Structures are given as structure tokens and as C-alpha cells.
Amino acid sequence: MINVLECVTDFPDDHIEDGGRIVQLGGRAVACAVSELLKDTGMITTIPELDGAHGWWFDAAQDGQRYYILVTDEGGSEMLILAKDESPLRRRWFGRNKANYVRFINDLRRLLSEHERFRSVGEWESIR
């Protein structure tokens, strides 16, 4: 299951170009901020890394469940935040993982909505 949140941020544009060549995709500061928000709730997170032309990704883990987070700069101040349950397949199909994932998405949406640098937080339908 994959959920996509979209939001507007007031982070400075950190997209870097050199002579028309992209040196760094935008969204790194937003990915770092989202990682820190999750870390403040007790999750273990990795340092955001560039994922080619897709954006900045990092892992978040809590209670044996692992999530893949991808932050994509849509231009201007719009960001997409993709969240995917990366727990082992058998744990995703059996047990409490689905309920935990739904709670994770709800908590992430709430954290973003409560932070002054994120506005207009919405969610696309989940992709299975």
C-alpha cells in the first residue's frame, strides 16, 4: 500500500542548477524536516538521500515496521510525500501491519498539519 500526501511549504527553494544542468533536486530541506518530525515522535529515521530524478528518500522505522518515504518537489512551494510500508510481505498481509500503517499515515498527516511550515496538507487515494 502506498499513500501520497501533498502540501504547500515555505521552505526556501534548494534546487540547484549549473548552466542548465541540475546539480541538486529541490526538496532536500523538506525531506530533512519530515525526517526530524518523525524522529521527534520516537521513530528511527535515516538521512535523506537523492533518488535520481524522483526526489529525496529516507526510511522510518517503529515497532519493527519500516516505511519508505519519498519527498518530491513539484515546483514552487508544492511537495508530494509518498509513504510506503516496507515491512516483510508476510507481515504486511498478516497481523497488525495494515492498522499500524494507517495509523502512521494519519500521524504523518497530523504532524505536517500541525507544523507551521506545512500548509494545505491533503492526501491522494492509496495505491495498492
N, C-alpha and C. Protein backbone atom coordinates (compact mmCIF):
# COMPACT_ATOMS: atom_id res chain seq x y z
N MET A 1 0.84 -1.17 0.00
CA MET A 1 0.00 0.00 0.00
C MET A 1 0.89 1.24 0.00
N ILE A 2 0.52 2.23 -0.81
CA ILE A 2 1.27 3.47 -0.90
C ILE A 2 0.29 4.62 -0.74
N ASN A 3 0.62 5.57 0.10
CA ASN A 3 -0.18 6.78 0.24
C ASN A 3 0.66 7.97 -0.18
N VAL A 4 0.01 8.96 -0.78
CA VAL A 4 0.71 10.16 -1.19
C VAL A 4 0.03 11.36 -0.54
N LEU A 5 0.82 12.12 0.21
CA LEU A 5 0.34 13.35 0.81
C LEU A 5 0.89 14.50 -0.03
N GLU A 6 0.11 15.54 -0.18
CA GLU A 6 0.61 16.72 -0.86
C GLU A 6 0.44 17.91 0.07
N CYS A 7 1.35 18.86 -0.05
CA CYS A 7 1.28 20.02 0.83
C CYS A 7 2.01 21.20 0.19
N VAL A 8 1.81 22.34 0.80
CA VAL A 8 2.50 23.57 0.42
C VAL A 8 3.44 23.89 1.58
N THR A 9 4.66 24.27 1.25
CA THR A 9 5.64 24.58 2.30
C THR A 9 6.21 25.98 2.09
N ASP A 10 6.86 26.49 3.12
CA ASP A 10 7.54 27.78 2.98
C ASP A 10 9.05 27.63 3.11
N PHE A 11 9.55 26.44 2.81
CA PHE A 11 11.00 26.23 2.83
C PHE A 11 11.61 26.92 1.61
N PRO A 12 12.83 27.44 1.75
CA PRO A 12 13.48 28.06 0.59
C PRO A 12 13.72 27.01 -0.50
N ASP A 13 13.70 27.45 -1.73
CA ASP A 13 13.97 26.56 -2.86
C ASP A 13 15.42 26.10 -2.78
N ASP A 14 15.65 24.80 -2.66
CA ASP A 14 17.03 24.29 -2.59
C ASP A 14 17.42 23.53 -3.86
N HIS A 15 16.69 23.78 -4.92
CA HIS A 15 17.02 23.24 -6.25
C HIS A 15 18.25 23.99 -6.76
N ILE A 16 19.26 23.26 -7.23
CA ILE A 16 20.49 23.90 -7.70
C ILE A 16 20.77 23.47 -9.13
N GLU A 17 20.98 24.45 -9.98
CA GLU A 17 21.36 24.20 -11.37
C GLU A 17 22.69 24.87 -11.65
N ASP A 18 23.44 24.30 -12.59
CA ASP A 18 24.70 24.87 -13.03
C ASP A 18 24.71 24.85 -14.55
N GLY A 19 24.49 26.01 -15.15
CA GLY A 19 24.48 26.07 -16.61
C GLY A 19 23.41 25.21 -17.23
N GLY A 20 22.23 25.15 -16.64
CA GLY A 20 21.14 24.34 -17.18
C GLY A 20 21.18 22.88 -16.76
N ARG A 21 22.25 22.46 -16.09
CA ARG A 21 22.38 21.09 -15.60
C ARG A 21 21.95 21.06 -14.14
N ILE A 22 21.07 20.14 -13.81
CA ILE A 22 20.60 20.03 -12.42
C ILE A 22 21.70 19.39 -11.57
N VAL A 23 22.10 20.12 -10.54
CA VAL A 23 23.12 19.62 -9.62
C VAL A 23 22.45 18.95 -8.42
N GLN A 24 21.35 19.56 -7.95
CA GLN A 24 20.61 19.00 -6.81
C GLN A 24 19.13 19.29 -6.99
N LEU A 25 18.32 18.26 -6.90
CA LEU A 25 16.87 18.43 -6.96
C LEU A 25 16.40 19.14 -5.69
N GLY A 26 15.35 19.92 -5.82
CA GLY A 26 14.76 20.57 -4.66
C GLY A 26 14.05 19.56 -3.77
N GLY A 27 13.80 19.98 -2.55
CA GLY A 27 13.06 19.14 -1.61
C GLY A 27 13.89 18.54 -0.50
N ARG A 28 15.21 18.73 -0.55
CA ARG A 28 16.07 18.14 0.50
C ARG A 28 15.72 18.68 1.88
N ALA A 29 15.54 20.00 2.00
CA ALA A 29 15.22 20.60 3.30
C ALA A 29 13.88 20.09 3.82
N VAL A 30 12.92 19.90 2.93
CA VAL A 30 11.61 19.37 3.34
C VAL A 30 11.75 17.92 3.81
N ALA A 31 12.52 17.11 3.07
CA ALA A 31 12.73 15.71 3.46
C ALA A 31 13.40 15.64 4.84
N CYS A 32 14.39 16.50 5.07
CA CYS A 32 15.07 16.53 6.38
C CYS A 32 14.10 16.94 7.49
N ALA A 33 13.22 17.91 7.19
CA ALA A 33 12.24 18.35 8.19
C ALA A 33 11.24 17.24 8.52
N VAL A 34 10.76 16.53 7.50
CA VAL A 34 9.81 15.44 7.72
C VAL A 34 10.50 14.33 8.52
N SER A 35 11.74 14.02 8.18
CA SER A 35 12.50 13.02 8.92
C SER A 35 12.62 13.42 10.40
N GLU A 36 12.92 14.69 10.66
CA GLU A 36 13.05 15.17 12.04
C GLU A 36 11.72 15.11 12.79
N LEU A 37 10.61 15.45 12.11
CA LEU A 37 9.30 15.36 12.75
C LEU A 37 9.02 13.93 13.20
N LEU A 38 9.33 12.96 12.33
CA LEU A 38 9.12 11.55 12.68
C LEU A 38 10.06 11.12 13.80
N LYS A 39 11.29 11.58 13.73
CA LYS A 39 12.27 11.24 14.77
C LYS A 39 11.82 11.77 16.13
N ASP A 40 11.22 12.96 16.13
CA ASP A 40 10.73 13.55 17.38
C ASP A 40 9.60 12.74 18.01
N THR A 41 8.93 11.88 17.23
CA THR A 41 7.87 11.04 17.77
C THR A 41 8.41 9.69 18.25
N GLY A 42 9.73 9.50 18.13
CA GLY A 42 10.33 8.25 18.59
C GLY A 42 10.71 7.28 17.50
N MET A 43 10.48 7.64 16.25
CA MET A 43 10.87 6.77 15.14
C MET A 43 12.37 6.87 14.89
N ILE A 44 12.88 5.83 14.31
CA ILE A 44 14.27 5.83 13.85
C ILE A 44 14.21 6.16 12.36
N THR A 45 14.97 7.18 11.94
CA THR A 45 14.96 7.58 10.53
C THR A 45 16.38 7.61 9.99
N THR A 46 16.49 7.42 8.69
CA THR A 46 17.78 7.53 8.03
C THR A 46 17.93 8.95 7.48
N ILE A 47 19.13 9.30 7.06
CA ILE A 47 19.39 10.61 6.47
C ILE A 47 18.85 10.60 5.04
N PRO A 48 18.06 11.61 4.66
CA PRO A 48 17.53 11.65 3.29
C PRO A 48 18.63 11.62 2.24
N GLU A 49 18.39 10.83 1.20
CA GLU A 49 19.33 10.69 0.09
C GLU A 49 18.60 10.97 -1.22
N LEU A 50 19.34 11.44 -2.21
CA LEU A 50 18.77 11.73 -3.51
C LEU A 50 18.42 10.43 -4.23
N ASP A 51 17.22 10.36 -4.78
CA ASP A 51 16.77 9.19 -5.53
C ASP A 51 16.60 9.59 -7.00
N GLY A 52 17.71 9.81 -7.66
CA GLY A 52 17.69 10.19 -9.08
C GLY A 52 16.81 11.39 -9.32
N ALA A 53 15.93 11.29 -10.28
CA ALA A 53 15.04 12.40 -10.64
C ALA A 53 13.73 12.36 -9.85
N HIS A 54 13.61 11.43 -8.91
CA HIS A 54 12.36 11.28 -8.17
C HIS A 54 12.24 12.20 -6.97
N GLY A 55 13.35 12.50 -6.33
CA GLY A 55 13.32 13.33 -5.13
C GLY A 55 14.24 12.79 -4.07
N TRP A 56 13.88 13.03 -2.82
CA TRP A 56 14.70 12.66 -1.66
C TRP A 56 13.98 11.59 -0.87
N TRP A 57 14.67 10.50 -0.54
CA TRP A 57 14.03 9.39 0.17
C TRP A 57 14.76 9.14 1.48
N PHE A 58 14.03 8.55 2.40
CA PHE A 58 14.60 8.06 3.66
C PHE A 58 13.69 6.98 4.21
N ASP A 59 14.23 6.20 5.13
CA ASP A 59 13.45 5.17 5.81
C ASP A 59 13.08 5.66 7.20
N ALA A 60 11.93 5.21 7.66
CA ALA A 60 11.50 5.46 9.03
C ALA A 60 11.05 4.12 9.59
N ALA A 61 11.38 3.85 10.85
CA ALA A 61 11.02 2.57 11.45
C ALA A 61 10.52 2.77 12.87
N GLN A 62 9.52 1.96 13.21
CA GLN A 62 8.97 1.97 14.56
C GLN A 62 8.30 0.64 14.82
N ASP A 63 8.56 0.06 15.98
CA ASP A 63 7.92 -1.19 16.39
C ASP A 63 8.07 -2.29 15.34
N GLY A 64 9.24 -2.40 14.72
CA GLY A 64 9.50 -3.45 13.76
C GLY A 64 8.90 -3.23 12.39
N GLN A 65 8.26 -2.11 12.19
CA GLN A 65 7.67 -1.80 10.89
C GLN A 65 8.50 -0.71 10.22
N ARG A 66 8.80 -0.91 8.93
CA ARG A 66 9.65 0.02 8.20
C ARG A 66 8.86 0.68 7.07
N TYR A 67 9.08 1.99 6.93
CA TYR A 67 8.40 2.77 5.91
C TYR A 67 9.43 3.45 5.02
N TYR A 68 9.12 3.50 3.73
CA TYR A 68 9.92 4.21 2.74
C TYR A 68 9.20 5.53 2.49
N ILE A 69 9.92 6.64 2.64
CA ILE A 69 9.34 7.97 2.44
C ILE A 69 10.08 8.64 1.29
N LEU A 70 9.36 9.17 0.33
CA LEU A 70 9.94 9.89 -0.80
C LEU A 70 9.32 11.27 -0.87
N VAL A 71 10.17 12.31 -0.85
CA VAL A 71 9.70 13.69 -0.94
C VAL A 71 10.07 14.22 -2.32
N THR A 72 9.06 14.68 -3.06
CA THR A 72 9.26 15.18 -4.42
C THR A 72 8.83 16.64 -4.50
N ASP A 73 9.73 17.47 -5.00
CA ASP A 73 9.45 18.89 -5.20
C ASP A 73 8.66 19.04 -6.50
N GLU A 74 7.44 19.54 -6.40
CA GLU A 74 6.58 19.70 -7.57
C GLU A 74 6.73 21.08 -8.19
N GLY A 75 7.66 21.86 -7.69
CA GLY A 75 7.85 23.22 -8.20
C GLY A 75 7.12 24.23 -7.34
N GLY A 76 7.63 25.44 -7.32
CA GLY A 76 7.04 26.44 -6.46
C GLY A 76 7.21 26.01 -5.02
N SER A 77 6.13 25.94 -4.31
CA SER A 77 6.20 25.52 -2.90
C SER A 77 5.40 24.25 -2.66
N GLU A 78 5.06 23.53 -3.73
CA GLU A 78 4.27 22.30 -3.60
C GLU A 78 5.17 21.07 -3.50
N MET A 79 4.83 20.20 -2.57
CA MET A 79 5.60 18.98 -2.34
C MET A 79 4.66 17.78 -2.31
N LEU A 80 5.17 16.65 -2.78
CA LEU A 80 4.49 15.36 -2.64
C LEU A 80 5.31 14.53 -1.68
N ILE A 81 4.63 13.84 -0.78
CA ILE A 81 5.30 12.95 0.17
C ILE A 81 4.66 11.58 0.04
N LEU A 82 5.42 10.66 -0.52
CA LEU A 82 4.95 9.29 -0.75
C LEU A 82 5.40 8.44 0.43
N ALA A 83 4.51 7.64 0.96
CA ALA A 83 4.85 6.75 2.08
C ALA A 83 4.42 5.33 1.73
N LYS A 84 5.34 4.40 1.88
CA LYS A 84 5.08 3.00 1.54
C LYS A 84 5.54 2.10 2.68
N ASP A 85 4.72 1.12 3.02
CA ASP A 85 5.08 0.13 4.03
C ASP A 85 6.11 -0.81 3.42
N GLU A 86 7.28 -0.87 4.01
CA GLU A 86 8.36 -1.72 3.51
C GLU A 86 8.62 -2.92 4.41
N SER A 87 7.69 -3.23 5.28
CA SER A 87 7.84 -4.40 6.14
C SER A 87 7.82 -5.66 5.29
N PRO A 88 8.34 -6.76 5.80
CA PRO A 88 8.30 -8.01 5.04
C PRO A 88 6.87 -8.34 4.60
N LEU A 89 6.74 -8.88 3.40
CA LEU A 89 5.44 -9.16 2.79
C LEU A 89 4.51 -9.94 3.72
N ARG A 90 5.02 -10.98 4.36
CA ARG A 90 4.14 -11.79 5.21
C ARG A 90 3.58 -10.96 6.37
N ARG A 91 4.35 -9.97 6.85
CA ARG A 91 3.86 -9.13 7.95
C ARG A 91 2.85 -8.12 7.45
N ARG A 92 2.96 -7.71 6.16
CA ARG A 92 2.00 -6.76 5.62
C ARG A 92 0.65 -7.43 5.38
N TRP A 93 0.67 -8.71 5.03
CA TRP A 93 -0.57 -9.41 4.70
C TRP A 93 -1.25 -10.01 5.92
N PHE A 94 -0.45 -10.33 6.94
CA PHE A 94 -0.99 -10.95 8.14
C PHE A 94 -0.58 -10.10 9.34
N GLY A 95 -1.41 -10.07 10.32
CA GLY A 95 -1.04 -9.32 11.52
C GLY A 95 -1.56 -7.89 11.50
N ARG A 96 -0.91 -7.06 12.32
CA ARG A 96 -1.41 -5.71 12.55
C ARG A 96 -0.79 -4.66 11.65
N ASN A 97 0.01 -5.04 10.68
CA ASN A 97 0.74 -4.06 9.90
C ASN A 97 -0.16 -3.06 9.18
N LYS A 98 -1.28 -3.52 8.64
CA LYS A 98 -2.15 -2.59 7.92
C LYS A 98 -2.69 -1.52 8.87
N ALA A 99 -3.13 -1.92 10.04
CA ALA A 99 -3.62 -0.95 11.03
C ALA A 99 -2.51 -0.01 11.46
N ASN A 100 -1.30 -0.54 11.64
CA ASN A 100 -0.16 0.29 12.01
C ASN A 100 0.16 1.28 10.90
N TYR A 101 0.08 0.83 9.66
CA TYR A 101 0.37 1.71 8.52
C TYR A 101 -0.65 2.84 8.43
N VAL A 102 -1.92 2.52 8.60
CA VAL A 102 -2.97 3.53 8.57
C VAL A 102 -2.73 4.54 9.69
N ARG A 103 -2.36 4.06 10.87
CA ARG A 103 -2.05 4.96 11.99
C ARG A 103 -0.84 5.84 11.65
N PHE A 104 0.17 5.25 11.01
CA PHE A 104 1.35 6.01 10.61
C PHE A 104 0.97 7.14 9.65
N ILE A 105 0.17 6.84 8.63
CA ILE A 105 -0.25 7.86 7.66
C ILE A 105 -1.05 8.96 8.35
N ASN A 106 -1.98 8.58 9.23
CA ASN A 106 -2.76 9.57 9.96
C ASN A 106 -1.87 10.44 10.84
N ASP A 107 -0.90 9.82 11.51
CA ASP A 107 0.04 10.58 12.36
C ASP A 107 0.90 11.52 11.52
N LEU A 108 1.36 11.05 10.37
CA LEU A 108 2.19 11.88 9.49
C LEU A 108 1.37 13.08 9.00
N ARG A 109 0.15 12.85 8.57
CA ARG A 109 -0.72 13.94 8.12
C ARG A 109 -0.94 14.95 9.25
N ARG A 110 -1.18 14.45 10.46
CA ARG A 110 -1.40 15.33 11.61
C ARG A 110 -0.15 16.13 11.93
N LEU A 111 1.02 15.46 11.94
CA LEU A 111 2.28 16.16 12.22
C LEU A 111 2.53 17.29 11.22
N LEU A 112 2.30 17.00 9.95
CA LEU A 112 2.51 18.03 8.93
C LEU A 112 1.51 19.17 9.11
N SER A 113 0.25 18.84 9.38
CA SER A 113 -0.79 19.85 9.53
C SER A 113 -0.55 20.76 10.73
N GLU A 114 0.06 20.21 11.77
CA GLU A 114 0.30 20.98 12.99
C GLU A 114 1.56 21.83 12.91
N HIS A 115 2.42 21.57 11.94
CA HIS A 115 3.69 22.31 11.82
C HIS A 115 3.45 23.55 10.98
N GLU A 116 3.96 24.68 11.44
CA GLU A 116 3.69 25.95 10.77
C GLU A 116 4.29 26.07 9.37
N ARG A 117 5.24 25.22 9.02
CA ARG A 117 5.87 25.32 7.70
C ARG A 117 5.18 24.48 6.63
N PHE A 118 4.16 23.72 7.03
CA PHE A 118 3.41 22.89 6.09
C PHE A 118 1.95 23.36 6.09
N ARG A 119 1.40 23.59 4.91
CA ARG A 119 0.01 24.05 4.79
C ARG A 119 -0.72 23.22 3.74
N SER A 120 -2.02 23.32 3.78
CA SER A 120 -2.87 22.66 2.78
C SER A 120 -2.49 21.19 2.59
N VAL A 121 -2.36 20.49 3.70
CA VAL A 121 -1.99 19.07 3.64
C VAL A 121 -3.20 18.25 3.20
N GLY A 122 -3.03 17.56 2.09
CA GLY A 122 -4.09 16.71 1.56
C GLY A 122 -3.54 15.33 1.26
N GLU A 123 -4.41 14.42 0.94
CA GLU A 123 -3.97 13.04 0.67
C GLU A 123 -4.61 12.53 -0.62
N TRP A 124 -3.80 11.89 -1.44
CA TRP A 124 -4.32 11.19 -2.60
C TRP A 124 -4.78 9.82 -2.12
N GLU A 125 -5.60 9.19 -2.89
CA GLU A 125 -6.05 7.85 -2.53
C GLU A 125 -4.87 6.90 -2.50
N SER A 126 -4.98 5.90 -1.65
CA SER A 126 -3.89 4.94 -1.58
C SER A 126 -3.80 4.11 -2.84
N ILE A 127 -2.57 3.75 -3.16
CA ILE A 127 -2.28 2.93 -4.33
C ILE A 127 -1.89 1.56 -3.79
N ARG A 128 -2.48 0.53 -4.27
CA ARG A 128 -2.14 -0.81 -3.77
C ARG A 128 -1.27 -1.53 -4.73
